[in-house]
Amino acid sequence: MSKNFPSIKFVVAKKADSLYPVVSGASIAAKVTRDRAVRDWVLDETADNIHMNFGSGYPADPATKSWLENHKHSIFGFPILVRFSWGTCNTYFKSGAEVLWS
């Protein structure tokens, strides 16, 4: 970003939302935007047992953990709503089928 905006000083810091009010505001705006998008999400998948009661989406939320556990597929992983790069998903992939691409 510094390359594209040389006149702006960028800071990377742990707990930036507690140190910089603008980061805190941006974090709240992002959370509200995400929550609305997720609330209104229409799943592409059509499995009989699929539901939208996935809790907050945070890793420590028991509802989120339960949803992930109950909606994993041994071949396809999770419904498209789930980011596969999310570290929380890794534990659920251990019991999935291994696919080797050539």
N, C-alpha and C. Protein backbone atom coordinates (compact mmCIF):
# COMPACT_ATOMS: atom_id res chain seq x y z
N MET A 1 0.82 -1.18 0.00
CA MET A 1 0.00 0.00 0.00
C MET A 1 0.87 1.25 0.00
N SER A 2 1.99 1.17 0.69
CA SER A 2 2.88 2.33 0.73
C SER A 2 3.38 2.70 -0.66
N LYS A 3 3.56 1.70 -1.50
CA LYS A 3 4.03 1.95 -2.87
C LYS A 3 2.98 2.74 -3.64
N ASN A 4 1.70 2.41 -3.44
CA ASN A 4 0.63 3.08 -4.16
C ASN A 4 0.23 4.42 -3.53
N PHE A 5 0.51 4.58 -2.25
CA PHE A 5 0.15 5.80 -1.52
C PHE A 5 1.37 6.30 -0.73
N PRO A 6 2.38 6.79 -1.40
CA PRO A 6 3.64 7.15 -0.73
C PRO A 6 3.51 8.28 0.29
N SER A 7 2.48 9.09 0.20
CA SER A 7 2.34 10.21 1.14
C SER A 7 1.62 9.81 2.43
N ILE A 8 1.17 8.57 2.51
CA ILE A 8 0.46 8.10 3.70
C ILE A 8 1.35 7.13 4.47
N LYS A 9 1.44 7.33 5.77
CA LYS A 9 2.20 6.42 6.62
C LYS A 9 1.25 5.33 7.14
N PHE A 10 1.56 4.08 6.84
CA PHE A 10 0.75 2.95 7.29
C PHE A 10 1.40 2.31 8.50
N VAL A 11 0.60 1.88 9.44
CA VAL A 11 1.08 1.24 10.66
C VAL A 11 0.41 -0.11 10.78
N VAL A 12 1.20 -1.12 11.08
CA VAL A 12 0.68 -2.45 11.36
C VAL A 12 0.92 -2.70 12.85
N ALA A 13 -0.16 -2.98 13.59
CA ALA A 13 -0.02 -3.14 15.03
C ALA A 13 -1.03 -4.15 15.56
N LYS A 14 -0.60 -4.92 16.56
CA LYS A 14 -1.53 -5.82 17.24
C LYS A 14 -2.54 -4.97 18.00
N LYS A 15 -3.75 -5.46 18.07
CA LYS A 15 -4.83 -4.77 18.79
C LYS A 15 -5.01 -3.34 18.32
N ALA A 16 -4.86 -3.14 16.99
CA ALA A 16 -4.95 -1.79 16.43
C ALA A 16 -6.29 -1.14 16.71
N ASP A 17 -7.36 -1.96 16.82
CA ASP A 17 -8.68 -1.37 17.06
C ASP A 17 -8.77 -0.71 18.43
N SER A 18 -7.95 -1.14 19.38
CA SER A 18 -7.96 -0.50 20.70
C SER A 18 -6.99 0.68 20.75
N LEU A 19 -6.09 0.78 19.78
CA LEU A 19 -5.10 1.86 19.77
C LEU A 19 -5.51 3.04 18.88
N TYR A 20 -6.25 2.74 17.81
CA TYR A 20 -6.59 3.76 16.82
C TYR A 20 -8.11 3.78 16.62
N PRO A 21 -8.77 4.88 17.01
CA PRO A 21 -10.23 4.96 16.88
C PRO A 21 -10.75 4.70 15.47
N VAL A 22 -10.02 5.14 14.45
CA VAL A 22 -10.49 4.93 13.08
C VAL A 22 -10.51 3.44 12.74
N VAL A 23 -9.58 2.67 13.27
CA VAL A 23 -9.55 1.22 13.04
C VAL A 23 -10.72 0.57 13.76
N SER A 24 -11.01 1.03 14.95
CA SER A 24 -12.15 0.52 15.71
C SER A 24 -13.44 0.76 14.93
N GLY A 25 -13.60 1.96 14.40
CA GLY A 25 -14.79 2.29 13.61
C GLY A 25 -14.89 1.44 12.36
N ALA A 26 -13.77 1.25 11.69
CA ALA A 26 -13.76 0.43 10.48
C ALA A 26 -14.10 -1.02 10.81
N SER A 27 -13.62 -1.50 11.95
CA SER A 27 -13.90 -2.86 12.38
C SER A 27 -15.39 -3.06 12.63
N ILE A 28 -16.01 -2.08 13.28
CA ILE A 28 -17.45 -2.15 13.54
C ILE A 28 -18.23 -2.12 12.23
N ALA A 29 -17.84 -1.23 11.33
CA ALA A 29 -18.51 -1.14 10.03
C ALA A 29 -18.39 -2.45 9.26
N ALA A 30 -17.21 -3.06 9.29
CA ALA A 30 -17.00 -4.34 8.60
C ALA A 30 -17.84 -5.44 9.22
N LYS A 31 -17.93 -5.47 10.55
CA LYS A 31 -18.71 -6.49 11.24
C LYS A 31 -20.19 -6.35 10.92
N VAL A 32 -20.72 -5.15 10.94
CA VAL A 32 -22.13 -4.92 10.63
C VAL A 32 -22.41 -5.32 9.18
N THR A 33 -21.53 -4.96 8.27
CA THR A 33 -21.69 -5.32 6.87
C THR A 33 -21.68 -6.83 6.70
N ARG A 34 -20.71 -7.50 7.35
CA ARG A 34 -20.64 -8.96 7.26
C ARG A 34 -21.87 -9.62 7.86
N ASP A 35 -22.30 -9.14 9.03
CA ASP A 35 -23.47 -9.72 9.69
C ASP A 35 -24.71 -9.62 8.82
N ARG A 36 -24.89 -8.49 8.15
CA ARG A 36 -26.05 -8.32 7.25
C ARG A 36 -25.94 -9.24 6.04
N ALA A 37 -24.76 -9.34 5.48
CA ALA A 37 -24.57 -10.21 4.32
C ALA A 37 -24.85 -11.67 4.68
N VAL A 38 -24.36 -12.09 5.83
CA VAL A 38 -24.56 -13.48 6.27
C VAL A 38 -26.03 -13.73 6.61
N ARG A 39 -26.66 -12.76 7.27
CA ARG A 39 -28.08 -12.90 7.64
C ARG A 39 -28.95 -13.11 6.40
N ASP A 40 -28.62 -12.41 5.31
CA ASP A 40 -29.43 -12.47 4.10
C ASP A 40 -28.92 -13.49 3.08
N TRP A 41 -27.92 -14.27 3.46
CA TRP A 41 -27.29 -15.23 2.55
C TRP A 41 -28.29 -16.28 2.09
N VAL A 42 -28.26 -16.60 0.82
CA VAL A 42 -29.06 -17.69 0.28
C VAL A 42 -28.09 -18.79 -0.12
N LEU A 43 -28.20 -19.93 0.56
CA LEU A 43 -27.28 -21.03 0.30
C LEU A 43 -27.56 -21.65 -1.07
N ASP A 44 -26.50 -21.93 -1.83
CA ASP A 44 -26.62 -22.61 -3.11
C ASP A 44 -26.89 -24.10 -2.91
N GLU A 45 -26.39 -24.62 -1.80
CA GLU A 45 -26.52 -26.05 -1.52
C GLU A 45 -27.97 -26.37 -1.13
N THR A 46 -28.38 -27.59 -1.44
CA THR A 46 -29.79 -27.96 -1.23
C THR A 46 -29.96 -29.21 -0.36
N ALA A 47 -28.97 -29.55 0.45
CA ALA A 47 -29.09 -30.73 1.30
C ALA A 47 -30.29 -30.58 2.23
N ASP A 48 -30.93 -31.71 2.54
CA ASP A 48 -32.13 -31.69 3.38
C ASP A 48 -31.87 -31.11 4.77
N ASN A 49 -30.70 -31.38 5.33
CA ASN A 49 -30.45 -31.00 6.72
C ASN A 49 -29.72 -29.67 6.87
N ILE A 50 -29.56 -28.93 5.80
CA ILE A 50 -28.79 -27.69 5.89
C ILE A 50 -29.66 -26.58 6.51
N HIS A 51 -29.07 -25.82 7.40
CA HIS A 51 -29.79 -24.72 8.04
C HIS A 51 -28.84 -23.55 8.25
N MET A 52 -29.39 -22.43 8.64
CA MET A 52 -28.62 -21.20 8.79
C MET A 52 -28.32 -20.85 10.25
N ASN A 53 -28.53 -21.74 11.18
CA ASN A 53 -28.29 -21.46 12.59
C ASN A 53 -26.82 -21.69 12.93
N PHE A 54 -25.94 -20.85 12.39
CA PHE A 54 -24.51 -21.06 12.57
C PHE A 54 -23.88 -20.15 13.60
N GLY A 55 -24.69 -19.48 14.40
CA GLY A 55 -24.14 -18.65 15.47
C GLY A 55 -23.45 -17.42 14.92
N SER A 56 -22.45 -16.95 15.64
CA SER A 56 -21.77 -15.71 15.30
C SER A 56 -20.74 -15.88 14.18
N GLY A 57 -20.29 -17.10 13.97
CA GLY A 57 -19.23 -17.33 12.99
C GLY A 57 -17.85 -17.31 13.61
N TYR A 58 -17.77 -16.96 14.89
CA TYR A 58 -16.48 -16.93 15.56
C TYR A 58 -16.10 -18.33 16.04
N PRO A 59 -14.81 -18.66 16.01
CA PRO A 59 -14.34 -20.02 16.33
C PRO A 59 -14.74 -20.52 17.71
N ALA A 60 -14.89 -19.65 18.69
CA ALA A 60 -15.21 -20.09 20.05
C ALA A 60 -16.71 -20.29 20.26
N ASP A 61 -17.53 -19.87 19.31
CA ASP A 61 -18.98 -19.97 19.45
C ASP A 61 -19.43 -21.43 19.31
N PRO A 62 -20.06 -21.99 20.32
CA PRO A 62 -20.52 -23.40 20.26
C PRO A 62 -21.47 -23.65 19.08
N ALA A 63 -22.32 -22.67 18.75
CA ALA A 63 -23.24 -22.85 17.62
C ALA A 63 -22.47 -22.93 16.31
N THR A 64 -21.42 -22.13 16.18
CA THR A 64 -20.59 -22.16 14.97
C THR A 64 -19.87 -23.51 14.86
N LYS A 65 -19.30 -23.96 15.96
CA LYS A 65 -18.62 -25.27 15.96
C LYS A 65 -19.58 -26.38 15.59
N SER A 66 -20.78 -26.35 16.16
CA SER A 66 -21.78 -27.37 15.87
C SER A 66 -22.19 -27.33 14.40
N TRP A 67 -22.38 -26.13 13.87
CA TRP A 67 -22.78 -26.00 12.46
C TRP A 67 -21.70 -26.56 11.54
N LEU A 68 -20.45 -26.21 11.83
CA LEU A 68 -19.35 -26.72 11.01
C LEU A 68 -19.29 -28.25 11.07
N GLU A 69 -19.42 -28.79 12.26
CA GLU A 69 -19.38 -30.25 12.44
C GLU A 69 -20.52 -30.93 11.67
N ASN A 70 -21.70 -30.34 11.70
CA ASN A 70 -22.87 -30.96 11.07
C ASN A 70 -23.02 -30.67 9.59
N HIS A 71 -22.21 -29.77 9.06
CA HIS A 71 -22.34 -29.42 7.64
C HIS A 71 -21.08 -29.70 6.84
N LYS A 72 -20.18 -30.49 7.38
CA LYS A 72 -18.98 -30.83 6.61
C LYS A 72 -19.30 -32.05 5.73
N HIS A 73 -18.65 -32.09 4.62
CA HIS A 73 -18.80 -33.21 3.69
C HIS A 73 -17.41 -33.79 3.46
N SER A 74 -17.30 -35.09 3.49
CA SER A 74 -15.96 -35.71 3.41
C SER A 74 -15.25 -35.46 2.08
N ILE A 75 -15.99 -35.14 1.04
CA ILE A 75 -15.36 -34.86 -0.25
C ILE A 75 -15.35 -33.37 -0.55
N PHE A 76 -16.49 -32.71 -0.39
CA PHE A 76 -16.64 -31.32 -0.82
C PHE A 76 -16.35 -30.28 0.25
N GLY A 77 -16.16 -30.71 1.48
CA GLY A 77 -15.86 -29.77 2.55
C GLY A 77 -17.12 -29.15 3.12
N PHE A 78 -17.25 -27.84 2.97
CA PHE A 78 -18.37 -27.10 3.55
C PHE A 78 -19.18 -26.39 2.47
N PRO A 79 -20.37 -25.95 2.83
CA PRO A 79 -21.12 -25.09 1.90
C PRO A 79 -20.29 -23.86 1.53
N ILE A 80 -20.60 -23.25 0.43
CA ILE A 80 -19.81 -22.15 -0.11
C ILE A 80 -19.74 -20.94 0.83
N LEU A 81 -20.63 -20.86 1.78
CA LEU A 81 -20.62 -19.78 2.77
C LEU A 81 -19.32 -19.76 3.57
N VAL A 82 -18.70 -20.92 3.75
CA VAL A 82 -17.52 -21.05 4.60
C VAL A 82 -16.25 -20.76 3.79
N ARG A 83 -15.38 -19.92 4.36
CA ARG A 83 -14.07 -19.69 3.74
C ARG A 83 -13.17 -20.86 4.09
N PHE A 84 -12.73 -21.60 3.11
CA PHE A 84 -11.90 -22.77 3.35
C PHE A 84 -10.53 -22.39 3.89
N SER A 85 -10.11 -21.16 3.68
CA SER A 85 -8.80 -20.71 4.19
C SER A 85 -8.86 -20.38 5.67
N TRP A 86 -10.04 -20.36 6.25
CA TRP A 86 -10.21 -20.04 7.66
C TRP A 86 -9.57 -21.13 8.50
N GLY A 87 -8.64 -20.77 9.36
CA GLY A 87 -7.90 -21.73 10.16
C GLY A 87 -8.78 -22.66 10.97
N THR A 88 -9.94 -22.18 11.39
CA THR A 88 -10.87 -23.00 12.17
C THR A 88 -11.32 -24.23 11.39
N CYS A 89 -11.34 -24.16 10.08
CA CYS A 89 -11.79 -25.28 9.26
C CYS A 89 -10.80 -26.44 9.22
N ASN A 90 -9.54 -26.15 9.47
CA ASN A 90 -8.51 -27.18 9.33
C ASN A 90 -8.79 -28.44 10.14
N THR A 91 -9.27 -28.29 11.36
CA THR A 91 -9.52 -29.47 12.19
C THR A 91 -10.63 -30.33 11.61
N TYR A 92 -11.55 -29.73 10.89
CA TYR A 92 -12.66 -30.50 10.30
C TYR A 92 -12.23 -31.24 9.04
N PHE A 93 -11.15 -30.81 8.41
CA PHE A 93 -10.68 -31.47 7.19
C PHE A 93 -9.87 -32.72 7.47
N LYS A 94 -9.42 -32.91 8.69
CA LYS A 94 -8.59 -34.07 9.02
C LYS A 94 -9.31 -35.39 8.77
N SER A 95 -10.64 -35.39 8.92
CA SER A 95 -11.40 -36.63 8.73
C SER A 95 -11.96 -36.74 7.31
N GLY A 96 -11.64 -35.80 6.44
CA GLY A 96 -12.13 -35.83 5.07
C GLY A 96 -11.30 -36.73 4.19
N ALA A 97 -11.80 -36.93 2.98
CA ALA A 97 -11.09 -37.76 2.01
C ALA A 97 -9.93 -36.96 1.42
N GLU A 98 -8.82 -37.64 1.20
CA GLU A 98 -7.68 -36.99 0.57
C GLU A 98 -7.83 -37.10 -0.93
N VAL A 99 -7.66 -35.97 -1.61
CA VAL A 99 -7.79 -35.93 -3.06
C VAL A 99 -6.44 -35.52 -3.63
N LEU A 100 -5.93 -36.30 -4.53
CA LEU A 100 -4.65 -35.99 -5.18
C LEU A 100 -4.93 -35.61 -6.63
N TRP A 101 -4.51 -34.43 -7.00
CA TRP A 101 -4.72 -33.95 -8.37
C TRP A 101 -3.45 -34.18 -9.17
N SER A 102 -3.60 -34.59 -10.40
CA SER A 102 -2.40 -34.80 -11.23
C SER A 102 -2.31 -33.76 -12.32
